[in-house]
Amino acid sequence: MSNPVTIIMIEDDEGHARLIERNIRRSGVNNAIIPFTNGTAAVDYLFGKDGTAAERKGQALLILLDLNLPDMTGIDILKRVKENKFLKSTPVVVLTTTDDSQEIKRCYELGCNVYITKPVNYESFANAIRQLGLFFSVIQVPPTST
């Protein structure tokens, strides 16, 4: 039996974070969601006390990443995750308001798995997240490298 997937949500807008979690739950996903409102706390969790991410070895993680954070960019976090030997296979879903084509291209070049632009309209946003939750319910996530 594989480890249950833990969703790491890095989102500084608490309203968006609540909406994301509520609609992921409505789609039937009951996995643990660990929320972070800034990049520093998320990086500290992901990379652990020694900064190597060895603490995450063997865990099945999925990262939901906003690019616009108060203390660092999501691009920086994405780059660090994908360059780390333990975390590089962790799926990263960028979920952000940024729809700049260069930014989208850069995220994919750095290794993001899915890039979603947050719809401005509340209902559209809620619907997009429910669909994302359905996607989460069927994808296979590998454990972090050992």
Foldseek 3Di string as FASTA:
>chain_A
DAAFEEEEEAAQPVVLVVLLVVLLVVLPDPHHYHYDNADVVVQCVCQDDVRQSPVQARHFYAYEAEQDGDPHGSLVVLLVQCVHQQRVQHAYEYEYQDPDPVVVVSSVVSPHDHYHHQDPDSVVNSVVSNVVSNVVVPDDTGRGHD
